[in-house]
Amino acid sequence: MRIAMIAMSGVRIKSDVLIKLGVTLPGFVQRGKVIAALPSLGLLTLSALIPKDDEIAYIEVSDINDLTELDTRFDLVCISSFTAQINEGYQLADRYRAAGVKVAMGGLHVTQMPAEAKQHCDAVCIGEGELTFPEMIEDARKGQLKPYYLEKGNRGKYDLAQAPLPRYDLLDPDRYNRITIQTQRGCPHVCPFCASTRLFGRGYRQKPVELVIRDLEAIEKIWPRPFIEFADDNTFVMRDYGKELCRQLIPHKIRWFTETDIS
């Protein structure tokens, strides 16, 4: 099969009040350009679960108006989007389906709003993609896509020790100012201001440090001196793990960035 993995990138500001007041938020827009320079780690990870015989195109779309012509030679288009870009994601999905191309959607927004997403695609992957994506790909190959693919009660239980090596080789090395690696998923805290446990469940999981270093070494083959962002909610909440991670990062002499609580 020929499969497109499409990430809706960029930052959107949706506020009628701000628009009427003429507020342009130039600093926020500039920050948005920096954020937009991150690849979709989710799609790169799922791409690693696609059989080697299939052809994969990794595509980022920051403005669908720039897509005056669609490449409709794909057998399947997979679209991932956050809430801020979901309307553009739906528009793109509608365009592909109108051209006769099958479309699947997944990610945090459609997991919360699957019925909404189903109006614009042939299949909705609900929850963690590693638990639903392989089955969906096989069904697409058979021409038997189901409307919904669910985690079947495993929410928040995907074992990161099984995490595949993301397909960093699909990226254009000159496009990005940072590359992402995930070391853990979820958070043991249930803070009222944070969506982490509500989206990923209360299971806090860590990727074995040796797999984190595996991912880093794959990145270093493409970017000799990368700037790494650890795509985590709370990297150092488990102190022993955090110390071991830092020890193994020392010989790589990389710049890195992450988020953690004050502990």
Protein backbone atom coordinates (compact mmCIF):
# COMPACT_ATOMS: atom_id res chain seq x y z
CA MET A 1 0.00 0.00 0.00
CA ARG A 2 0.94 3.64 -0.39
CA ILE A 3 0.20 5.42 2.89
CA ALA A 4 0.30 9.13 3.78
CA MET A 5 0.94 10.07 7.41
CA ILE A 6 -0.26 13.67 7.69
CA ALA A 7 0.38 15.89 10.71
CA MET A 8 -1.60 19.11 11.07
CA SER A 9 1.12 21.43 12.33
CA GLY A 10 1.34 25.05 13.42
CA VAL A 11 -0.55 27.02 16.05
CA ARG A 12 -4.04 28.49 15.75
CA ILE A 13 -5.66 31.29 17.75
CA LYS A 14 -9.45 31.00 17.74
CA SER A 15 -11.13 33.84 19.63
CA ASP A 16 -13.81 36.06 18.15
CA VAL A 17 -13.34 38.51 21.03
CA LEU A 18 -9.63 38.94 20.32
CA ILE A 19 -10.25 39.24 16.59
CA LYS A 20 -12.84 42.01 17.13
CA LEU A 21 -10.41 43.85 19.42
CA GLY A 22 -7.71 43.63 16.78
CA VAL A 23 -5.30 41.70 19.00
CA THR A 24 -2.67 39.96 16.88
CA LEU A 25 -0.46 38.45 19.63
CA PRO A 26 2.78 38.71 17.61
CA GLY A 27 4.87 37.09 20.36
CA PHE A 28 2.55 34.11 20.49
CA VAL A 29 2.63 33.76 16.71
CA GLN A 30 6.43 33.78 16.77
CA ARG A 31 6.43 31.11 19.48
CA GLY A 32 3.99 29.18 17.33
CA LYS A 33 6.54 29.09 14.52
CA VAL A 34 9.05 27.53 16.90
CA ILE A 35 6.53 24.96 18.13
CA ALA A 36 5.54 24.17 14.56
CA ALA A 37 9.13 23.20 13.85
CA LEU A 38 8.63 19.97 15.82
CA PRO A 39 7.79 16.77 13.93
CA SER A 40 4.88 14.54 14.94
CA LEU A 41 6.46 11.90 17.15
CA GLY A 42 3.16 10.01 17.25
CA LEU A 43 3.00 9.55 13.47
CA LEU A 44 6.70 8.68 13.26
CA THR A 45 6.17 6.01 15.92
CA LEU A 46 3.13 4.55 14.14
CA SER A 47 5.03 4.59 10.86
CA ALA A 48 7.43 2.10 12.46
CA LEU A 49 4.51 -0.33 12.80
CA ILE A 50 3.75 -0.30 9.06
CA PRO A 51 5.14 -3.31 7.15
CA LYS A 52 8.39 -2.64 5.30
CA ASP A 53 6.84 -3.43 1.91
CA ASP A 54 4.48 -0.45 2.16
CA GLU A 55 5.43 3.02 0.93
CA ILE A 56 5.14 5.80 3.52
CA ALA A 57 4.99 9.55 2.93
CA TYR A 58 5.31 11.73 6.04
CA ILE A 59 3.63 15.11 5.38
CA GLU A 60 3.12 18.18 7.55
CA VAL A 61 0.37 20.66 6.74
CA SER A 62 0.39 24.06 8.39
CA ASP A 63 -2.10 25.68 6.01
CA ILE A 64 -4.47 23.62 3.88
CA ASN A 65 -4.90 26.60 1.56
CA ASP A 66 -1.38 25.88 0.34
CA LEU A 67 -2.55 22.48 -0.89
CA THR A 68 -4.08 23.55 -4.17
CA GLU A 69 -3.66 20.03 -5.53
CA LEU A 70 -3.84 16.77 -3.58
CA ASP A 71 -1.74 13.71 -4.27
CA THR A 72 -4.57 11.19 -4.59
CA ARG A 73 -2.39 8.18 -5.41
CA PHE A 74 -2.49 7.03 -1.78
CA ASP A 75 -4.37 3.92 -0.73
CA LEU A 76 -4.81 5.33 2.76
CA VAL A 77 -4.37 8.76 4.36
CA CYS A 78 -3.84 8.92 8.14
CA ILE A 79 -4.39 12.33 9.73
CA SER A 80 -3.44 13.38 13.27
CA SER A 81 -4.35 16.73 14.78
CA PHE A 82 -4.65 18.58 18.05
CA THR A 83 -7.87 20.45 18.81
CA ALA A 84 -6.59 23.82 17.58
CA GLN A 85 -6.03 22.46 14.06
CA ILE A 86 -8.86 19.91 13.94
CA ASN A 87 -11.15 21.92 11.67
CA GLU A 88 -8.43 22.13 9.04
CA GLY A 89 -7.81 18.42 9.56
CA TYR A 90 -11.47 17.68 8.89
CA GLN A 91 -11.44 19.84 5.78
CA LEU A 92 -8.41 17.97 4.45
CA ALA A 93 -10.01 14.62 5.26
CA ASP A 94 -13.16 15.67 3.39
CA ARG A 95 -11.12 16.62 0.35
CA TYR A 96 -9.32 13.29 0.25
CA ARG A 97 -12.54 11.33 0.65
CA ALA A 98 -14.19 13.35 -2.11
CA ALA A 99 -11.28 12.26 -4.32
CA GLY A 100 -11.95 8.62 -3.47
CA VAL A 101 -9.11 8.10 -0.97
CA LYS A 102 -9.73 6.24 2.30
CA VAL A 103 -9.01 8.32 5.40
CA ALA A 104 -8.26 7.33 9.00
CA MET A 105 -7.95 9.81 11.87
CA GLY A 106 -6.41 9.49 15.33
CA GLY A 107 -4.86 11.49 18.11
CA LEU A 108 -5.91 13.19 21.32
CA HIS A 109 -8.82 15.20 19.90
CA VAL A 110 -10.56 12.42 17.99
CA THR A 111 -10.10 10.08 20.96
CA GLN A 112 -12.26 12.50 22.96
CA MET A 113 -14.65 13.22 20.06
CA PRO A 114 -14.82 10.02 17.96
CA ALA A 115 -18.38 10.51 16.66
CA GLU A 116 -17.49 14.02 15.49
CA ALA A 117 -14.39 12.75 13.70
CA LYS A 118 -16.27 9.85 12.07
CA GLN A 119 -18.29 12.35 10.03
CA HIS A 120 -15.08 13.18 8.15
CA CYS A 121 -13.23 9.87 7.83
CA ASP A 122 -13.64 6.17 7.17
CA ALA A 123 -11.98 4.96 10.39
CA VAL A 124 -11.30 6.50 13.80
CA CYS A 125 -8.46 5.17 15.99
CA ILE A 126 -9.40 5.76 19.62
CA GLY A 127 -6.72 5.83 22.30
CA GLU A 128 -3.05 4.93 22.11
CA GLY A 129 -2.17 4.28 18.49
CA GLU A 130 0.20 1.38 19.13
CA LEU A 131 -2.81 -0.65 20.33
CA THR A 132 -5.11 0.13 17.41
CA PHE A 133 -3.03 1.12 14.38
CA PRO A 134 -1.65 -2.29 13.28
CA GLU A 135 -5.15 -3.81 13.10
CA MET A 136 -6.42 -0.80 11.17
CA ILE A 137 -3.58 -1.07 8.63
CA GLU A 138 -4.31 -4.76 8.03
CA ASP A 139 -8.03 -4.05 7.58
CA ALA A 140 -7.20 -1.27 5.11
CA ARG A 141 -5.07 -3.72 3.15
CA LYS A 142 -8.08 -6.07 2.90
CA GLY A 143 -10.46 -3.23 2.02
CA GLN A 144 -12.40 -3.90 5.24
CA LEU A 145 -11.96 -0.78 7.38
CA LYS A 146 -14.09 -0.67 10.52
CA PRO A 147 -15.60 2.66 11.61
CA TYR A 148 -13.88 2.60 15.02
CA TYR A 149 -10.76 0.99 16.46
CA LEU A 150 -10.63 0.88 20.26
CA GLU A 151 -8.00 -0.09 22.80
CA LYS A 152 -10.27 -2.86 24.15
CA GLY A 153 -9.92 -2.00 27.81
CA ASN A 154 -6.15 -1.46 27.75
CA ARG A 155 -6.27 2.30 28.25
CA GLY A 156 -3.09 3.55 29.80
CA LYS A 157 -1.44 0.11 29.72
CA TYR A 158 0.70 0.08 26.59
CA ASP A 159 4.11 -1.25 27.59
CA LEU A 160 6.77 1.24 26.48
CA ALA A 161 9.35 -1.55 26.67
CA GLN A 162 7.74 -2.64 23.38
CA ALA A 163 8.05 0.82 21.82
CA PRO A 164 9.36 0.68 18.25
CA LEU A 165 12.09 2.95 16.94
CA PRO A 166 10.30 5.98 15.41
CA ARG A 167 10.89 6.48 11.69
CA TYR A 168 13.14 9.54 12.04
CA ASP A 169 14.52 8.66 8.62
CA LEU A 170 11.28 9.96 7.06
CA LEU A 171 12.11 13.53 8.13
CA ASP A 172 13.82 16.30 6.19
CA PRO A 173 16.93 17.04 8.32
CA ASP A 174 16.92 20.74 7.42
CA ARG A 175 13.35 21.44 8.46
CA TYR A 176 13.45 21.12 12.25
CA ASN A 177 15.08 23.01 15.10
CA ARG A 178 14.34 20.27 17.64
CA ILE A 179 13.69 16.53 17.51
CA THR A 180 11.47 14.73 19.99
CA ILE A 181 11.98 11.57 22.04
CA GLN A 182 9.51 10.15 24.52
CA THR A 183 10.86 8.68 27.77
CA GLN A 184 7.55 8.14 29.58
CA ARG A 185 3.81 8.49 29.18
CA GLY A 186 1.30 9.85 31.63
CA CYS A 187 1.91 11.18 35.14
CA PRO A 188 1.38 9.73 38.64
CA HIS A 189 -0.18 13.02 39.81
CA VAL A 190 -3.80 14.01 39.15
CA CYS A 191 -3.47 17.79 39.12
CA PRO A 192 -6.75 19.60 38.34
CA PHE A 193 -5.16 21.90 35.75
CA CYS A 194 -3.57 19.12 33.66
CA ALA A 195 -5.13 16.82 31.07
CA SER A 196 -2.42 14.16 31.16
CA THR A 197 -4.12 11.53 33.33
CA ARG A 198 -7.47 12.24 31.72
CA LEU A 199 -6.06 11.54 28.28
CA PHE A 200 -3.64 8.70 29.01
CA GLY A 201 -5.24 7.12 32.07
CA ARG A 202 -3.59 6.92 35.48
CA GLY A 203 -0.99 4.40 34.42
CA TYR A 204 2.44 6.03 34.54
CA ARG A 205 4.85 4.23 32.24
CA GLN A 206 8.54 4.71 31.54
CA LYS A 207 10.44 3.66 28.45
CA PRO A 208 13.57 1.71 29.40
CA VAL A 209 16.56 4.02 29.31
CA GLU A 210 18.33 1.78 26.78
CA LEU A 211 15.46 2.37 24.33
CA VAL A 212 15.68 6.13 24.89
CA ILE A 213 19.38 5.95 24.00
CA ARG A 214 18.51 3.76 21.00
CA ASP A 215 16.21 6.52 19.74
CA LEU A 216 18.86 9.17 20.39
CA GLU A 217 21.54 7.25 18.50
CA ALA A 218 19.18 6.89 15.53
CA ILE A 219 18.67 10.66 15.56
CA GLU A 220 22.40 11.32 15.80
CA LYS A 221 22.94 9.39 12.57
CA ILE A 222 20.84 12.05 10.82
CA TRP A 223 21.60 15.12 12.97
CA PRO A 224 25.16 14.94 14.36
CA ARG A 225 24.47 17.53 17.09
CA PRO A 226 20.70 17.46 17.68
CA PHE A 227 18.66 19.58 20.07
CA ILE A 228 16.37 17.07 21.79
CA GLU A 229 12.98 17.75 23.33
CA PHE A 230 11.78 14.96 25.59
CA ALA A 231 8.08 14.79 24.80
CA ASP A 232 7.04 13.96 28.35
CA ASP A 233 4.63 15.30 30.92
CA ASN A 234 6.93 14.79 33.91
CA THR A 235 10.34 13.37 32.99
CA PHE A 236 11.98 13.40 36.43
CA VAL A 237 9.06 12.55 38.71
CA MET A 238 10.74 9.16 39.36
CA ARG A 239 14.13 10.30 40.61
CA ASP A 240 16.15 7.09 40.16
CA TYR A 241 15.02 6.78 36.56
CA GLY A 242 15.80 10.43 35.88
CA LYS A 243 19.32 10.11 37.29
CA GLU A 244 20.06 7.03 35.19
CA LEU A 245 18.76 8.79 32.09
CA CYS A 246 21.01 11.78 32.73
CA ARG A 247 24.04 9.55 33.31
CA GLN A 248 23.53 7.85 29.96
CA LEU A 249 23.03 11.18 28.19
CA ILE A 250 26.40 12.57 29.38
CA PRO A 251 28.65 10.96 26.72
CA HIS A 252 26.36 12.17 23.93
CA LYS A 253 27.01 15.84 24.79
CA ILE A 254 23.64 16.98 23.44
CA ARG A 255 21.43 19.93 24.24
CA TRP A 256 18.04 18.89 25.55
CA PHE A 257 14.82 20.28 26.96
CA THR A 258 12.00 18.73 28.97
CA GLU A 259 9.19 19.39 31.44
CA THR A 260 9.09 18.16 35.02
CA ASP A 261 7.49 19.09 38.32
CA ILE A 262 9.37 21.04 41.00
CA SER A 263 10.48 17.87 42.81
